[in-house]
Amino acid sequence: MGKEVVKKQLELLKFRNTNPAFGFDAKLDIQRNGKVMTFTWENGGNKAQLIANFEDYSFEIR
């Protein structure tokens, strides 16, 4: 549990479980631009995004 990768995974789980953008009736929109995909969850005025680059395996969470 003390490893950095595990700490990051727990952070993501907490974000997913506490952010209202992921509510029961959330809307998921998926866009693709070349090798970059953007996943956008929206619910009740709240928004969360995952921008994933499948070429260099980088990502950003907003």
Protein backbone atom coordinates (compact mmCIF):
# COMPACT_ATOMS: atom_id res chain seq x y z
CA MET A 1 0.00 0.00 0.00
CA GLY A 2 2.98 2.32 0.40
CA LYS A 3 4.10 2.12 -3.23
CA GLU A 4 3.64 5.26 -5.30
CA VAL A 5 1.64 3.47 -8.00
CA VAL A 6 -0.83 2.19 -5.39
CA LYS A 7 -1.18 5.67 -3.89
CA LYS A 8 -2.01 7.07 -7.36
CA GLN A 9 -4.58 4.33 -7.95
CA LEU A 10 -6.25 5.11 -4.63
CA GLU A 11 -6.34 8.82 -5.54
CA LEU A 12 -8.11 7.97 -8.80
CA LEU A 13 -10.60 5.73 -7.01
CA LYS A 14 -11.38 8.47 -4.51
CA PHE A 15 -11.81 11.00 -7.35
CA ARG A 16 -14.16 8.62 -9.18
CA ASN A 17 -16.20 7.84 -6.05
CA THR A 18 -16.60 11.43 -4.83
CA ASN A 19 -16.95 13.50 -8.00
CA PRO A 20 -20.63 14.13 -8.82
CA ALA A 21 -19.86 14.09 -12.56
CA PHE A 22 -19.92 10.29 -12.30
CA GLY A 23 -23.44 10.13 -10.85
CA PHE A 24 -26.00 7.48 -11.75
CA ASP A 25 -27.48 9.37 -14.71
CA ALA A 26 -24.22 10.90 -15.95
CA LYS A 27 -23.77 11.49 -19.66
CA LEU A 28 -20.60 10.09 -21.24
CA ASP A 29 -19.28 11.63 -24.45
CA ILE A 30 -16.30 10.11 -26.27
CA GLN A 31 -14.39 12.01 -28.94
CA ARG A 32 -11.43 10.83 -31.00
CA ASN A 33 -8.83 12.98 -32.74
CA GLY A 34 -6.20 10.72 -34.28
CA LYS A 35 -4.62 8.75 -31.48
CA VAL A 36 -6.06 10.99 -28.74
CA MET A 37 -9.39 10.14 -27.13
CA THR A 38 -11.31 12.42 -24.81
CA PHE A 39 -13.85 10.93 -22.42
CA THR A 40 -16.16 13.50 -20.83
CA TRP A 41 -18.61 12.70 -18.06
CA GLU A 42 -21.28 15.30 -17.20
CA ASN A 43 -23.94 15.23 -14.52
CA GLY A 44 -25.88 18.05 -12.89
CA GLY A 45 -23.50 20.78 -14.08
CA ASN A 46 -20.42 18.81 -12.97
CA LYS A 47 -17.84 17.66 -15.48
CA ALA A 48 -14.81 15.33 -15.49
CA GLN A 49 -12.51 14.53 -18.41
CA LEU A 50 -9.92 11.96 -19.28
CA ILE A 51 -7.73 12.85 -22.26
CA ALA A 52 -5.73 9.79 -23.31
CA ASN A 53 -2.99 9.73 -25.93
CA PHE A 54 -2.65 6.18 -27.25
CA GLU A 55 0.55 6.99 -29.14
CA ASP A 56 2.74 8.00 -26.20
CA TYR A 57 0.50 6.59 -23.39
CA SER A 58 0.20 9.97 -21.69
CA PHE A 59 -3.03 11.17 -20.13
CA GLU A 60 -4.58 14.13 -18.37
CA ILE A 61 -7.48 14.17 -15.93
CA ARG A 62 -9.51 17.35 -15.53
